[in-house]
Protein backbone atom coordinates (compact mmCIF):
# COMPACT_ATOMS: atom_id res chain seq x y z
CA MET A 1 5.41 -2.79 -8.72
CA GLU A 2 2.82 -5.51 -8.48
CA HIS A 3 -0.25 -3.25 -8.69
CA GLN A 4 1.09 -0.54 -11.03
CA ASP A 5 -1.50 -1.35 -13.68
CA THR A 6 -4.34 -0.45 -11.29
CA PHE A 7 -3.14 3.19 -11.09
CA ASP A 8 -2.95 5.89 -13.76
CA ALA A 9 0.13 7.52 -12.18
CA SER A 10 3.49 5.82 -11.70
CA LEU A 11 4.03 4.23 -8.29
CA ASP A 12 7.79 4.53 -8.76
CA ILE A 13 8.12 7.85 -6.93
CA LEU A 14 9.86 9.03 -3.77
CA GLU A 15 6.54 9.66 -1.99
CA ASN A 16 5.74 5.94 -2.31
CA VAL A 17 8.97 4.75 -0.70
CA VAL A 18 9.29 4.11 3.03
CA ILE A 19 12.08 2.82 5.21
CA LEU A 20 10.98 0.16 7.67
CA CYS A 21 12.77 -1.59 10.48
CA PRO A 22 13.04 -5.38 10.03
CA THR A 23 10.18 -5.98 12.48
CA CYS A 24 7.75 -3.68 10.67
CA HIS A 25 8.85 -5.07 7.30
CA ARG A 26 8.00 -8.61 8.45
CA LYS A 27 4.73 -7.39 9.94
CA LEU A 28 3.76 -5.72 6.67
CA HIS A 29 4.46 -8.83 4.60
CA HIS A 30 3.69 -11.68 6.99
CA GLY A 31 1.75 -10.23 9.93
CA LEU A 32 -1.80 -10.73 11.02
CA PRO A 33 -4.33 -8.76 8.97
CA LYS A 34 -5.13 -6.44 11.92
CA ASP A 35 -1.43 -5.67 12.45
CA ARG A 36 -0.85 -5.05 8.75
CA ALA A 37 -3.92 -2.81 8.65
CA ALA A 38 -2.64 -0.71 11.57
CA LEU A 39 0.75 -0.28 9.93
CA LEU A 40 -0.74 0.58 6.53
CA LYS A 41 -3.09 3.10 8.16
CA SER A 42 -0.15 4.81 9.84
CA LEU A 43 1.96 4.86 6.67
CA LEU A 44 -0.91 6.16 4.55
CA GLY A 45 -1.62 8.88 7.11
CA ILE A 46 1.97 10.06 6.84
CA ARG A 47 2.22 9.78 3.05
CA SER A 48 -1.27 10.54 1.70
CA LEU A 49 -0.72 14.24 0.90
CA GLY A 50 2.51 13.53 -0.97
CA LEU A 51 0.93 10.66 -2.85
CA CYS A 52 -2.09 12.77 -3.81
CA SER A 53 0.18 15.55 -5.03
CA ARG A 54 1.71 13.03 -7.46
CA GLY A 55 -1.62 11.70 -8.72
CA ILE A 56 -1.93 8.66 -6.46
CA ASP A 57 -5.19 8.92 -4.57
CA VAL A 58 -5.76 5.68 -2.68
CA SER A 59 -8.07 5.10 0.27
CA LEU A 60 -7.16 2.96 3.25
CA LYS A 61 -9.90 0.52 2.20
CA ARG A 62 -8.36 0.15 -1.27
CA LEU A 63 -4.83 -0.18 0.13
CA LEU A 64 -6.00 -2.94 2.47
CA GLN A 65 -7.70 -4.73 -0.43
CA LEU A 66 -4.48 -4.63 -2.44
CA SER A 67 -2.49 -5.81 0.57
CA LEU A 68 -4.82 -8.73 1.27
CA LEU A 69 -4.81 -9.79 -2.38
CA ARG A 70 -1.04 -9.77 -2.39
CA LYS A 71 -0.95 -11.88 0.77
CA ALA A 72 -3.48 -14.34 -0.61
CA GLY A 73 -1.89 -14.45 -4.04
CA GLY A 74 -5.23 -13.52 -5.54
CA ALA A 75 -6.06 -12.11 -8.91
CA LYS A 76 -5.17 -8.53 -9.74
CA PRO A 77 -7.96 -6.11 -8.79
CA ARG A 78 -9.53 -3.66 -11.19
CA ALA A 79 -8.92 0.06 -10.81
CA ALA A 80 -11.31 1.85 -8.48
């Protein structure tokens, strides 16, 4: 869990697990930023209520920031 330290609640929960086809998995890790953003927006829309119920309240903007930092290998962000 690369960004666990930026959240107060554990990210190791069922609500934070998704099953992706190989194409979407590649898109999420290696796709163009606009394609990754569309996929993350869809996944967050499906999972946001469950995540919030477990203490993980993350905006799409924040999720995209974390995703872009991971892709760029940048420094760990501070909690928002």
